[in-house]
C-alpha atoms as a PDB file:
ATOM      1  CA  MET A   1     -81.892 -18.743-145.728  1.00  0.00           C
ATOM      2  CA  GLY A   2     -80.048 -15.464-145.356  1.00  0.00           C
ATOM      3  CA  ASP A   3     -76.395 -14.795-146.097  1.00  0.00           C
ATOM      4  CA  ALA A   4     -75.309 -14.651-142.446  1.00  0.00           C
ATOM      5  CA  ILE A   5     -76.950 -17.979-141.621  1.00  0.00           C
ATOM      6  CA  ALA A   6     -75.485 -19.483-144.806  1.00  0.00           C
ATOM      7  CA  GLN A   7     -71.997 -18.259-143.832  1.00  0.00           C
ATOM      8  CA  LEU A   8     -72.445 -19.701-140.350  1.00  0.00           C
ATOM      9  CA  LEU A   9     -73.455 -23.034-141.852  1.00  0.00           C
ATOM     10  CA  THR A  10     -70.431 -22.969-144.174  1.00  0.00           C
ATOM     11  CA  GLY A  11     -68.210 -22.380-141.160  1.00  0.00           C
ATOM     12  CA  PHE A  12     -69.792 -25.344-139.383  1.00  0.00           C
ATOM     13  CA  ASN A  13     -69.215 -27.605-142.367  1.00  0.00           C
ATOM     14  CA  THR A  14     -65.586 -26.616-142.816  1.00  0.00           C
ATOM     15  CA  SER A  15     -64.493 -26.417-139.190  1.00  0.00           C
ATOM     16  CA  THR A  16     -64.861 -29.172-136.626  1.00  0.00           C
ATOM     17  CA  ASP A  17     -61.416 -28.808-135.077  1.00  0.00           C
ATOM     18  CA  PRO A  18     -61.700 -29.321-131.301  1.00  0.00           C
ATOM     19  CA  GLY A  19     -58.653 -27.066-130.836  1.00  0.00           C
ATOM     20  CA  GLU A  20     -60.491 -23.937-131.971  1.00  0.00           C
ATOM     21  CA  PRO A  21     -61.077 -21.361-129.241  1.00  0.00           C
ATOM     22  CA  LEU A  22     -64.464 -21.069-127.598  1.00  0.00           C
ATOM     23  CA  CYS A  23     -66.429 -17.858-127.810  1.00  0.00           C
ATOM     24  CA  ASP A  24     -65.933 -15.058-125.323  1.00  0.00           C
ATOM     25  CA  LEU A  25     -68.848 -14.845-122.887  1.00  0.00           C
ATOM     26  CA  SER A  26     -67.437 -12.001-120.803  1.00  0.00           C
ATOM     27  CA  SER A  27     -66.316  -9.362-123.306  1.00  0.00           C
ATOM     28  CA  SER A  28     -67.685  -5.858-122.890  1.00  0.00           C
ATOM     29  CA  SER A  29     -68.823  -6.056-126.517  1.00  0.00           C
ATOM     30  CA  VAL A  30     -71.046  -9.050-125.743  1.00  0.00           C
ATOM     31  CA  ARG A  31     -74.430  -8.984-124.026  1.00  0.00           C
ATOM     32  CA  LEU A  32     -75.968 -12.118-122.577  1.00  0.00           C
ATOM     33  CA  VAL A  33     -79.683 -12.536-123.216  1.00  0.00           C
ATOM     34  CA  LYS A  34     -82.223 -15.066-122.050  1.00  0.00           C
ATOM     35  CA  ALA A  35     -84.469 -16.525-124.699  1.00  0.00           C
ATOM     36  CA  PRO A  36     -87.059 -19.268-124.596  1.00  0.00           C
ATOM     37  CA  VAL A  37     -86.256 -22.217-126.848  1.00  0.00           C
ATOM     38  CA  ARG A  38     -88.531 -25.191-127.478  1.00  0.00           C
ATOM     39  CA  ALA A  39     -87.357 -28.270-125.578  1.00  0.00           C
ATOM     40  CA  ASP A  40     -86.792 -30.341-128.721  1.00  0.00           C
ATOM     41  CA  LEU A  41     -84.745 -27.558-130.302  1.00  0.00           C
ATOM     42  CA  SER A  42     -82.778 -27.075-127.100  1.00  0.00           C
ATOM     43  CA  LEU A  43     -81.795 -30.733-127.306  1.00  0.00           C
ATOM     44  CA  GLN A  44     -80.767 -30.234-130.947  1.00  0.00           C
ATOM     45  CA  LEU A  45     -78.732 -27.169-129.958  1.00  0.00           C
ATOM     46  CA  GLU A  46     -76.907 -29.093-127.256  1.00  0.00           C
ATOM     47  CA  ALA A  47     -76.159 -31.979-129.630  1.00  0.00           C
ATOM     48  CA  MET A  48     -74.941 -29.639-132.397  1.00  0.00           C
ATOM     49  CA  ALA A  49     -72.728 -27.780-129.939  1.00  0.00           C
ATOM     50  CA  HIS A  50     -71.189 -31.050-128.794  1.00  0.00           C
ATOM     51  CA  VAL A  51     -70.492 -32.127-132.384  1.00  0.00           C
ATOM     52  CA  LEU A  52     -69.031 -28.696-133.211  1.00  0.00           C
ATOM     53  CA  HIS A  53     -66.851 -28.675-130.058  1.00  0.00           C
ATOM     54  CA  THR A  54     -68.399 -25.564-128.555  1.00  0.00           C
ATOM     55  CA  SER A  55     -70.893 -24.736-125.840  1.00  0.00           C
ATOM     56  CA  PRO A  56     -74.645 -24.446-126.397  1.00  0.00           C
ATOM     57  CA  GLU A  57     -74.419 -20.806-125.285  1.00  0.00           C
ATOM     58  CA  CYS A  58     -71.776 -19.986-127.897  1.00  0.00           C
ATOM     59  CA  LEU A  59     -73.629 -21.812-130.639  1.00  0.00           C
ATOM     60  CA  ALA A  60     -76.939 -20.161-129.714  1.00  0.00           C
ATOM     61  CA  GLY A  61     -75.217 -16.778-129.749  1.00  0.00           C
ATOM     62  CA  ALA A  62     -73.718 -17.402-133.178  1.00  0.00           C
ATOM     63  CA  ILE A  63     -77.093 -18.514-134.554  1.00  0.00           C
ATOM     64  CA  LEU A  64     -78.941 -15.579-132.996  1.00  0.00           C
ATOM     65  CA  ASN A  65     -76.348 -13.086-134.252  1.00  0.00           C
ATOM     66  CA  ALA A  66     -76.671 -14.426-137.800  1.00  0.00           C
ATOM     67  CA  ALA A  67     -80.468 -14.506-137.622  1.00  0.00           C
ATOM     68  CA  ILE A  68     -80.652 -10.875-136.458  1.00  0.00           C
ATOM     69  CA  VAL A  69     -78.361  -9.761-139.303  1.00  0.00           C
ATOM     70  CA  ASP A  70     -80.477 -11.678-141.822  1.00  0.00           C
ATOM     71  CA  LEU A  71     -83.757 -10.401-140.366  1.00  0.00           C
ATOM     72  CA  GLU A  72     -82.551  -6.800-140.473  1.00  0.00           C
ATOM     73  CA  GLU A  73     -81.702  -7.202-144.180  1.00  0.00           C
ATOM     74  CA  HIS A  74     -85.320  -8.197-144.879  1.00  0.00           C
ATOM     75  CA  LEU A  75     -87.028  -5.341-143.014  1.00  0.00           C
ATOM     76  CA  ASP A  76     -88.663  -2.677-145.146  1.00  0.00           C
ATOM     77  CA  ASP A  77     -87.200   0.832-144.933  1.00  0.00           C
ATOM     78  CA  ALA A  78     -89.884   2.188-142.603  1.00  0.00           C
ATOM     79  CA  LEU A  79     -89.524  -0.631-140.092  1.00  0.00           C
ATOM     80  CA  LEU A  80     -85.721  -0.562-140.291  1.00  0.00           C
ATOM     81  CA  SER A  81     -85.795   3.170-139.593  1.00  0.00           C
ATOM     82  CA  LYS A  82     -87.968   2.583-136.506  1.00  0.00           C
ATOM     83  CA  VAL A  83     -85.580  -0.126-135.281  1.00  0.00           C
ATOM     84  CA  GLN A  84     -82.584   2.182-135.742  1.00  0.00           C
ATOM     85  CA  GLN A  85     -84.378   5.009-133.899  1.00  0.00           C
ATOM     86  CA  GLU A  86     -85.206   2.645-131.044  1.00  0.00           C
ATOM     87  CA  CYS A  87     -81.559   1.517-130.882  1.00  0.00           C
ATOM     88  CA  GLN A  88     -80.513   5.142-130.536  1.00  0.00           C
ATOM     89  CA  ALA A  89     -83.116   5.745-127.817  1.00  0.00           C
ATOM     90  CA  ILE A  90     -81.986   2.676-125.861  1.00  0.00           C
ATOM     91  CA  MET A  91     -78.326   3.700-126.133  1.00  0.00           C
ATOM     92  CA  GLU A  92     -79.124   7.269-125.065  1.00  0.00           C
ATOM     93  CA  ALA A  93     -81.147   6.085-122.066  1.00  0.00           C
ATOM     94  CA  SER A  94     -78.329   3.783-120.951  1.00  0.00           C
ATOM     95  CA  ARG A  95     -75.696   6.539-120.862  1.00  0.00           C
ATOM     96  CA  PRO A  96     -74.504   7.158-117.279  1.00  0.00           C
ATOM     97  CA  GLU A  97     -75.451  10.844-117.323  1.00  0.00           C
ATOM     98  CA  ASN A  98     -79.041   9.857-118.141  1.00  0.00           C
ATOM     99  CA  ASN A  99     -79.257   7.348-115.310  1.00  0.00           C
ATOM    100  CA  PRO A 100     -80.450   8.976-112.078  1.00  0.00           C
ATOM    101  CA  SER A 101     -78.852   6.239-109.963  1.00  0.00           C
ATOM    102  CA  VAL A 102     -75.395   7.256-111.193  1.00  0.00           C
ATOM    103  CA  VAL A 103     -73.992  10.247-109.352  1.00  0.00           C
ATOM    104  CA  PHE A 104     -70.913  12.101-110.534  1.00  0.00           C
ATOM    105  CA  ASN A 105     -68.858  13.741-107.817  1.00  0.00           C
ATOM    106  CA  ILE A 106     -66.150  15.683-109.611  1.00  0.00           C
ATOM    107  CA  GLY A 107     -63.249  16.407-107.311  1.00  0.00           C
ATOM    108  CA  GLY A 108     -65.016  15.040-104.266  1.00  0.00           C
ATOM    109  CA  THR A 109     -64.049  12.196-102.015  1.00  0.00           C
END
């Protein structure tokens, strides 16, 4: 188990206060993704979320975030470099000036 998953688990074990705030699903720093999850694990996720006083979406996000951090720490240098290059390419392609459907009209109406 990686450090991020271990920290997440520690947080689960030390915090079951129903008064804690839920995660933010609408922040501009958050992206929602769809991911297939086995039916039996989906049931486990829903049950864990209920016990931890959060939503399945928030719990799944926390688990996925930790898993990605842990996975990245275990990639070899060559693969990590490729991932970082691909991140840069995706970010560059998503910039408004690189999107042909976005038109800038400076000073126009």
